[in-house]
Amino acid sequence: MDESRVVYEDGGVPSGALRVGYVLTIVINGLLIYVVQNLVEWEWLPFLTEDFSEAVPAIVWSMVATIVVSTVYLFTRAKGVRILGEFVLAGFGFWATMQLYLVWPFDFSVYPNFDWDFIARLVLGLAVFGTAVALLANFVRLFRLGR
């Protein structure tokens, strides 16, 4: 068996393909941080309001957490580290989606022929629910790991 293709569950170094994926994740999230911080100023999205800047810190911290966790994953795939990383990312994801939902920096009045507000609230509400479930599931996994 080709050792470079093995994914170790015991804390060994991740395979080459996984490492490339983590590096891409780090680079893409770095670029997205720049984009998110400038979206309002660039005015690319006509439905995005100035209130978006209130949600930016949570979104950026979520991406920073992804960069940190991906960096850790470059060096280990230990089960406990992976579960902790997924828990942390679920927590930051929940915070970011909740901030977007609570701030609601969207104004879809520029599209009067369709109720985009309802669709956006539904999708974002599902995202909040999904991240809450992921947070709870990963908390349970952490608890079970410690037993």
N, C-alpha and C. Protein backbone atom coordinates (compact mmCIF):
# COMPACT_ATOMS: atom_id res chain seq x y z
N MET A 1 0.84 -1.18 0.00
CA MET A 1 0.00 0.00 0.00
C MET A 1 0.89 1.24 0.00
N ASP A 2 0.48 2.24 -0.75
CA ASP A 2 1.22 3.50 -0.85
C ASP A 2 0.99 4.30 0.42
N GLU A 3 2.06 4.50 1.23
CA GLU A 3 1.95 5.19 2.51
C GLU A 3 1.49 6.64 2.37
N SER A 4 1.75 7.28 1.22
CA SER A 4 1.36 8.68 1.06
C SER A 4 -0.15 8.86 0.96
N ARG A 5 -0.86 7.79 0.78
CA ARG A 5 -2.33 7.88 0.66
C ARG A 5 -3.06 7.49 1.94
N VAL A 6 -2.34 7.14 2.97
CA VAL A 6 -2.96 6.69 4.21
C VAL A 6 -3.35 7.90 5.06
N VAL A 7 -4.56 7.87 5.59
CA VAL A 7 -5.01 8.90 6.53
C VAL A 7 -4.96 8.26 7.91
N TYR A 8 -4.10 8.77 8.75
CA TYR A 8 -3.90 8.19 10.07
C TYR A 8 -4.91 8.74 11.06
N GLU A 9 -5.53 7.84 11.83
CA GLU A 9 -6.48 8.24 12.85
C GLU A 9 -5.81 8.34 14.22
N ASP A 10 -4.56 7.89 14.32
CA ASP A 10 -3.89 7.82 15.61
C ASP A 10 -3.00 9.02 15.88
N GLY A 11 -3.18 10.10 15.15
CA GLY A 11 -2.38 11.28 15.37
C GLY A 11 -1.26 11.43 14.38
N GLY A 12 -1.18 10.52 13.42
CA GLY A 12 -0.14 10.62 12.41
C GLY A 12 -0.36 11.80 11.49
N VAL A 13 0.60 12.02 10.62
CA VAL A 13 0.54 13.13 9.68
C VAL A 13 -0.49 12.83 8.60
N PRO A 14 -1.30 13.82 8.22
CA PRO A 14 -2.29 13.61 7.16
C PRO A 14 -1.62 13.32 5.81
N SER A 15 -2.38 12.68 4.93
CA SER A 15 -1.87 12.36 3.60
C SER A 15 -1.66 13.63 2.78
N GLY A 16 -0.97 13.49 1.66
CA GLY A 16 -0.67 14.63 0.79
C GLY A 16 -1.92 15.32 0.30
N ALA A 17 -2.93 14.56 -0.10
CA ALA A 17 -4.16 15.16 -0.61
C ALA A 17 -4.86 15.99 0.46
N LEU A 18 -4.89 15.48 1.68
CA LEU A 18 -5.50 16.24 2.78
C LEU A 18 -4.72 17.51 3.06
N ARG A 19 -3.40 17.42 3.02
CA ARG A 19 -2.58 18.60 3.27
C ARG A 19 -2.86 19.68 2.22
N VAL A 20 -2.98 19.29 0.96
CA VAL A 20 -3.30 20.26 -0.10
C VAL A 20 -4.65 20.90 0.18
N GLY A 21 -5.61 20.11 0.61
CA GLY A 21 -6.94 20.63 0.94
C GLY A 21 -6.88 21.63 2.07
N TYR A 22 -6.10 21.35 3.10
CA TYR A 22 -5.98 22.27 4.22
C TYR A 22 -5.30 23.57 3.80
N VAL A 23 -4.27 23.46 2.98
CA VAL A 23 -3.58 24.67 2.49
C VAL A 23 -4.54 25.51 1.66
N LEU A 24 -5.31 24.88 0.78
CA LEU A 24 -6.29 25.62 -0.02
C LEU A 24 -7.33 26.29 0.88
N THR A 25 -7.77 25.60 1.90
CA THR A 25 -8.73 26.16 2.85
C THR A 25 -8.16 27.40 3.51
N ILE A 26 -6.90 27.34 3.91
CA ILE A 26 -6.24 28.47 4.56
C ILE A 26 -6.17 29.66 3.61
N VAL A 27 -5.73 29.41 2.37
CA VAL A 27 -5.58 30.50 1.39
C VAL A 27 -6.93 31.11 1.04
N ILE A 28 -7.91 30.27 0.76
CA ILE A 28 -9.24 30.77 0.36
C ILE A 28 -9.87 31.58 1.49
N ASN A 29 -9.76 31.09 2.73
CA ASN A 29 -10.34 31.84 3.85
C ASN A 29 -9.62 33.16 4.07
N GLY A 30 -8.31 33.19 3.84
CA GLY A 30 -7.58 34.44 3.93
C GLY A 30 -8.08 35.45 2.92
N LEU A 31 -8.32 34.99 1.70
CA LEU A 31 -8.86 35.88 0.67
C LEU A 31 -10.29 36.32 1.00
N LEU A 32 -11.09 35.40 1.52
CA LEU A 32 -12.47 35.73 1.86
C LEU A 32 -12.56 36.74 3.00
N ILE A 33 -11.60 36.70 3.91
CA ILE A 33 -11.58 37.70 4.98
C ILE A 33 -11.47 39.10 4.36
N TYR A 34 -10.59 39.23 3.39
CA TYR A 34 -10.42 40.52 2.71
C TYR A 34 -11.71 40.93 2.00
N VAL A 35 -12.34 39.99 1.32
CA VAL A 35 -13.58 40.28 0.59
C VAL A 35 -14.69 40.70 1.56
N VAL A 36 -14.89 39.93 2.61
CA VAL A 36 -15.96 40.23 3.57
C VAL A 36 -15.77 41.61 4.19
N GLN A 37 -14.54 41.97 4.49
CA GLN A 37 -14.28 43.26 5.12
C GLN A 37 -14.51 44.43 4.16
N ASN A 38 -14.61 44.15 2.87
CA ASN A 38 -14.78 45.23 1.89
C ASN A 38 -16.09 45.16 1.10
N LEU A 39 -16.94 44.21 1.38
CA LEU A 39 -18.17 44.02 0.61
C LEU A 39 -19.06 45.26 0.58
N VAL A 40 -19.27 45.87 1.71
CA VAL A 40 -20.16 47.04 1.76
C VAL A 40 -19.56 48.18 0.94
N GLU A 41 -18.28 48.41 1.11
CA GLU A 41 -17.60 49.50 0.40
C GLU A 41 -17.61 49.28 -1.12
N TRP A 42 -17.42 48.04 -1.54
CA TRP A 42 -17.37 47.73 -2.97
C TRP A 42 -18.74 47.80 -3.64
N GLU A 43 -19.81 47.66 -2.87
CA GLU A 43 -21.18 47.73 -3.37
C GLU A 43 -21.46 46.72 -4.49
N TRP A 44 -20.93 45.53 -4.36
CA TRP A 44 -21.17 44.47 -5.34
C TRP A 44 -22.58 43.89 -5.20
N LEU A 45 -23.09 43.87 -4.00
CA LEU A 45 -24.39 43.25 -3.73
C LEU A 45 -25.39 44.34 -3.38
N PRO A 46 -26.31 44.64 -4.29
CA PRO A 46 -27.23 45.77 -4.07
C PRO A 46 -28.18 45.57 -2.90
N PHE A 47 -28.35 44.35 -2.43
CA PHE A 47 -29.26 44.08 -1.32
C PHE A 47 -28.55 44.10 0.04
N LEU A 48 -27.25 44.30 0.07
CA LEU A 48 -26.49 44.34 1.31
C LEU A 48 -26.47 45.76 1.87
N THR A 49 -26.89 45.90 3.14
CA THR A 49 -26.95 47.22 3.75
C THR A 49 -25.68 47.50 4.57
N GLU A 50 -25.58 48.74 5.01
CA GLU A 50 -24.45 49.17 5.85
C GLU A 50 -24.40 48.36 7.16
N ASP A 51 -25.54 47.82 7.59
CA ASP A 51 -25.59 47.03 8.82
C ASP A 51 -24.72 45.78 8.76
N PHE A 52 -24.34 45.38 7.55
CA PHE A 52 -23.49 44.20 7.40
C PHE A 52 -22.21 44.34 8.21
N SER A 53 -21.72 45.56 8.35
CA SER A 53 -20.48 45.79 9.09
C SER A 53 -20.60 45.33 10.55
N GLU A 54 -21.83 45.28 11.09
CA GLU A 54 -22.03 44.78 12.45
C GLU A 54 -21.80 43.28 12.56
N ALA A 55 -22.03 42.56 11.47
CA ALA A 55 -21.85 41.11 11.47
C ALA A 55 -20.44 40.69 11.03
N VAL A 56 -19.70 41.61 10.44
CA VAL A 56 -18.38 41.29 9.91
C VAL A 56 -17.43 40.68 10.95
N PRO A 57 -17.34 41.22 12.17
CA PRO A 57 -16.40 40.61 13.13
C PRO A 57 -16.66 39.12 13.37
N ALA A 58 -17.91 38.74 13.53
CA ALA A 58 -18.22 37.33 13.77
C ALA A 58 -17.86 36.48 12.56
N ILE A 59 -18.13 37.00 11.37
CA ILE A 59 -17.82 36.26 10.14
C ILE A 59 -16.30 36.11 10.01
N VAL A 60 -15.57 37.18 10.25
CA VAL A 60 -14.11 37.14 10.15
C VAL A 60 -13.51 36.20 11.18
N TRP A 61 -13.99 36.27 12.42
CA TRP A 61 -13.48 35.36 13.45
C TRP A 61 -13.76 33.90 13.08
N SER A 62 -14.89 33.64 12.47
CA SER A 62 -15.20 32.28 12.02
C SER A 62 -14.18 31.81 10.97
N MET A 63 -13.82 32.71 10.07
CA MET A 63 -12.83 32.35 9.05
C MET A 63 -11.42 32.22 9.64
N VAL A 64 -11.10 33.06 10.62
CA VAL A 64 -9.81 32.94 11.31
C VAL A 64 -9.74 31.59 12.03
N ALA A 65 -10.82 31.21 12.68
CA ALA A 65 -10.86 29.90 13.35
C ALA A 65 -10.65 28.77 12.35
N THR A 66 -11.24 28.89 11.17
CA THR A 66 -11.04 27.88 10.14
C THR A 66 -9.58 27.80 9.72
N ILE A 67 -8.93 28.95 9.60
CA ILE A 67 -7.51 28.98 9.25
C ILE A 67 -6.67 28.31 10.34
N VAL A 68 -6.96 28.63 11.59
CA VAL A 68 -6.20 28.04 12.70
C VAL A 68 -6.40 26.54 12.76
N VAL A 69 -7.65 26.10 12.69
CA VAL A 69 -7.93 24.66 12.76
C VAL A 69 -7.31 23.93 11.58
N SER A 70 -7.39 24.49 10.39
CA SER A 70 -6.79 23.86 9.21
C SER A 70 -5.27 23.78 9.35
N THR A 71 -4.67 24.79 9.95
CA THR A 71 -3.23 24.77 10.19
C THR A 71 -2.87 23.64 11.16
N VAL A 72 -3.65 23.47 12.20
CA VAL A 72 -3.41 22.36 13.14
C VAL A 72 -3.58 21.03 12.42
N TYR A 73 -4.61 20.92 11.58
CA TYR A 73 -4.86 19.68 10.84
C TYR A 73 -3.73 19.33 9.88
N LEU A 74 -2.94 20.32 9.46
CA LEU A 74 -1.79 20.04 8.59
C LEU A 74 -0.80 19.11 9.28
N PHE A 75 -0.76 19.15 10.60
CA PHE A 75 0.26 18.42 11.34
C PHE A 75 -0.25 17.19 12.07
N THR A 76 -1.56 17.10 12.27
CA THR A 76 -2.08 15.93 12.97
C THR A 76 -3.54 15.68 12.58
N ARG A 77 -3.90 14.41 12.65
CA ARG A 77 -5.29 14.03 12.45
C ARG A 77 -5.76 13.18 13.63
N ALA A 78 -5.18 13.44 14.79
CA ALA A 78 -5.59 12.72 15.99
C ALA A 78 -7.09 12.93 16.21
N LYS A 79 -7.76 11.87 16.60
CA LYS A 79 -9.21 11.91 16.75
C LYS A 79 -9.67 13.02 17.70
N GLY A 80 -9.03 13.17 18.84
CA GLY A 80 -9.42 14.19 19.80
C GLY A 80 -9.23 15.59 19.26
N VAL A 81 -8.14 15.80 18.55
CA VAL A 81 -7.87 17.11 17.95
C VAL A 81 -8.91 17.42 16.88
N ARG A 82 -9.25 16.42 16.09
CA ARG A 82 -10.23 16.62 15.03
C ARG A 82 -11.61 16.95 15.61
N ILE A 83 -12.01 16.25 16.65
CA ILE A 83 -13.31 16.51 17.28
C ILE A 83 -13.32 17.90 17.91
N LEU A 84 -12.25 18.27 18.59
CA LEU A 84 -12.16 19.60 19.19
C LEU A 84 -12.22 20.68 18.10
N GLY A 85 -11.51 20.46 17.00
CA GLY A 85 -11.53 21.41 15.89
C GLY A 85 -12.92 21.57 15.32
N GLU A 86 -13.64 20.48 15.14
CA GLU A 86 -15.00 20.55 14.61
C GLU A 86 -15.94 21.25 15.58
N PHE A 87 -15.73 21.05 16.88
CA PHE A 87 -16.53 21.74 17.89
C PHE A 87 -16.28 23.25 17.83
N VAL A 88 -15.02 23.63 17.78
CA VAL A 88 -14.67 25.05 17.71
C VAL A 88 -15.26 25.70 16.46
N LEU A 89 -15.11 25.03 15.31
CA LEU A 89 -15.64 25.59 14.06
C LEU A 89 -17.16 25.69 14.08
N ALA A 90 -17.82 24.70 14.69
CA ALA A 90 -19.28 24.76 14.80
C ALA A 90 -19.70 25.94 15.68
N GLY A 91 -18.95 26.19 16.75
CA GLY A 91 -19.25 27.32 17.63
C GLY A 91 -19.12 28.65 16.92
N PHE A 92 -18.01 28.83 16.20
CA PHE A 92 -17.83 30.07 15.46
C PHE A 92 -18.84 30.20 14.32
N GLY A 93 -19.16 29.09 13.67
CA GLY A 93 -20.16 29.12 12.60
C GLY A 93 -21.53 29.50 13.14
N PHE A 94 -21.88 28.96 14.31
CA PHE A 94 -23.15 29.32 14.94
C PHE A 94 -23.19 30.82 15.26
N TRP A 95 -22.11 31.32 15.84
CA TRP A 95 -22.04 32.74 16.19
C TRP A 95 -22.18 33.62 14.95
N ALA A 96 -21.49 33.27 13.87
CA ALA A 96 -21.53 34.08 12.65
C ALA A 96 -22.92 34.06 12.02
N THR A 97 -23.53 32.89 11.94
CA THR A 97 -24.86 32.82 11.32
C THR A 97 -25.91 33.51 12.20
N MET A 98 -25.76 33.39 13.53
CA MET A 98 -26.70 34.09 14.42
C MET A 98 -26.56 35.60 14.27
N GLN A 99 -25.33 36.08 14.16
CA GLN A 99 -25.11 37.52 13.98
C GLN A 99 -25.79 38.01 12.70
N LEU A 100 -25.61 37.27 11.62
CA LEU A 100 -26.26 37.66 10.36
C LEU A 100 -27.77 37.68 10.52
N TYR A 101 -28.30 36.67 11.20
CA TYR A 101 -29.75 36.59 11.37
C TYR A 101 -30.27 37.74 12.25
N LEU A 102 -29.55 38.03 13.33
CA LEU A 102 -30.00 39.07 14.26
C LEU A 102 -29.82 40.47 13.69
N VAL A 103 -28.73 40.71 13.00
CA VAL A 103 -28.46 42.03 12.42
C VAL A 103 -29.34 42.24 11.18
N TRP A 104 -29.52 41.21 10.43
CA TRP A 104 -30.27 41.19 9.16
C TRP A 104 -29.88 42.37 8.25
N PRO A 105 -28.67 42.26 7.68
CA PRO A 105 -28.16 43.36 6.85
C PRO A 105 -28.60 43.28 5.39
N PHE A 106 -29.80 42.86 5.17
CA PHE A 106 -30.30 42.65 3.81
C PHE A 106 -31.52 43.52 3.55
N ASP A 107 -31.59 44.06 2.36
CA ASP A 107 -32.75 44.82 1.92
C ASP A 107 -33.08 44.37 0.50
N PHE A 108 -34.07 43.52 0.40
CA PHE A 108 -34.43 42.95 -0.89
C PHE A 108 -35.50 43.75 -1.62
N SER A 109 -35.75 44.97 -1.18
CA SER A 109 -36.77 45.80 -1.83
C SER A 109 -36.38 46.15 -3.27
N VAL A 110 -35.13 45.97 -3.62
CA VAL A 110 -34.70 46.23 -5.01
C VAL A 110 -35.22 45.13 -5.95
N TYR A 111 -35.76 44.06 -5.36
CA TYR A 111 -36.35 42.96 -6.15
C TYR A 111 -37.82 42.79 -5.74
N PRO A 112 -38.70 43.68 -6.18
CA PRO A 112 -40.08 43.68 -5.68
C PRO A 112 -40.95 42.53 -6.21
N ASN A 113 -40.51 41.81 -7.22
CA ASN A 113 -41.36 40.79 -7.83
C ASN A 113 -41.27 39.43 -7.16
N PHE A 114 -40.43 39.30 -6.14
CA PHE A 114 -40.28 38.01 -5.47
C PHE A 114 -39.94 38.25 -4.01
N ASP A 115 -40.43 37.39 -3.14
CA ASP A 115 -40.22 37.55 -1.70
C ASP A 115 -38.88 36.92 -1.29
N TRP A 116 -37.78 37.60 -1.68
CA TRP A 116 -36.45 37.11 -1.34
C TRP A 116 -36.20 37.19 0.16
N ASP A 117 -36.85 38.10 0.84
CA ASP A 117 -36.66 38.23 2.28
C ASP A 117 -37.08 36.94 2.98
N PHE A 118 -38.21 36.37 2.59
CA PHE A 118 -38.68 35.12 3.19
C PHE A 118 -37.70 33.99 2.91
N ILE A 119 -37.26 33.87 1.66
CA ILE A 119 -36.32 32.80 1.29
C ILE A 119 -35.01 32.95 2.06
N ALA A 120 -34.49 34.17 2.14
CA ALA A 120 -33.23 34.40 2.84
C ALA A 120 -33.37 34.09 4.33
N ARG A 121 -34.49 34.48 4.93
CA ARG A 121 -34.71 34.18 6.35
C ARG A 121 -34.83 32.68 6.58
N LEU A 122 -35.49 32.01 5.66
CA LEU A 122 -35.62 30.55 5.77
C LEU A 122 -34.25 29.87 5.67
N VAL A 123 -33.48 30.23 4.67
CA VAL A 123 -32.16 29.61 4.46
C VAL A 123 -31.23 29.93 5.63
N LEU A 124 -31.19 31.18 6.05
CA LEU A 124 -30.32 31.55 7.16
C LEU A 124 -30.80 30.91 8.47
N GLY A 125 -32.11 30.81 8.65
CA GLY A 125 -32.65 30.12 9.82
C GLY A 125 -32.24 28.66 9.84
N LEU A 126 -32.27 28.00 8.68
CA LEU A 126 -31.82 26.62 8.59
C LEU A 126 -30.32 26.51 8.88
N ALA A 127 -29.56 27.50 8.44
CA ALA A 127 -28.12 27.51 8.72
C ALA A 127 -27.86 27.66 10.23
N VAL A 128 -28.62 28.51 10.89
CA VAL A 128 -28.49 28.67 12.34
C VAL A 128 -28.82 27.35 13.02
N PHE A 129 -29.91 26.74 12.61
CA PHE A 129 -30.31 25.46 13.20
C PHE A 129 -29.25 24.39 12.95
N GLY A 130 -28.74 24.32 11.73
CA GLY A 130 -27.72 23.31 11.39
C GLY A 130 -26.44 23.50 12.18
N THR A 131 -26.01 24.74 12.35
CA THR A 131 -24.79 24.96 13.12
C THR A 131 -25.02 24.69 14.61
N ALA A 132 -26.23 24.94 15.09
CA ALA A 132 -26.55 24.61 16.49
C ALA A 132 -26.51 23.10 16.70
N VAL A 133 -27.06 22.35 15.76
CA VAL A 133 -27.03 20.89 15.85
C VAL A 133 -25.59 20.39 15.80
N ALA A 134 -24.78 20.96 14.89
CA ALA A 134 -23.37 20.57 14.79
C ALA A 134 -22.63 20.87 16.09
N LEU A 135 -22.91 22.01 16.69
CA LEU A 135 -22.28 22.38 17.95
C LEU A 135 -22.63 21.38 19.04
N LEU A 136 -23.91 21.06 19.15
CA LEU A 136 -24.36 20.09 20.16
C LEU A 136 -23.77 18.71 19.90
N ALA A 137 -23.79 18.27 18.65
CA ALA A 137 -23.25 16.94 18.31
C ALA A 137 -21.77 16.85 18.63
N ASN A 138 -21.03 17.89 18.32
CA ASN A 138 -19.60 17.86 18.61
C ASN A 138 -19.31 18.00 20.10
N PHE A 139 -20.16 18.68 20.83
CA PHE A 139 -20.03 18.71 22.28
C PHE A 139 -20.20 17.31 22.85
N VAL A 140 -21.20 16.59 22.37
CA VAL A 140 -21.43 15.21 22.82
C VAL A 140 -20.22 14.34 22.47
N ARG A 141 -19.69 14.51 21.26
CA ARG A 141 -18.51 13.74 20.85
C ARG A 141 -17.32 14.04 21.77
N LEU A 142 -17.13 15.31 22.12
CA LEU A 142 -16.05 15.66 23.05
C LEU A 142 -16.26 15.04 24.41
N PHE A 143 -17.49 15.08 24.90
CA PHE A 143 -17.83 14.50 26.19
C PHE A 143 -17.54 12.99 26.19
N ARG A 144 -17.96 12.32 25.12
CA ARG A 144 -17.75 10.87 25.02
C ARG A 144 -16.27 10.52 24.89
N LEU A 145 -15.51 11.40 24.27
CA LEU A 145 -14.08 11.17 24.11
C LEU A 145 -13.37 11.20 25.46
N GLY A 146 -13.84 12.07 26.35
CA GLY A 146 -13.22 12.21 27.66
C GLY A 146 -13.59 11.11 28.63
N ARG A 147 -14.54 10.29 28.29
CA ARG A 147 -14.97 9.20 29.21
C ARG A 147 -14.14 7.99 29.07
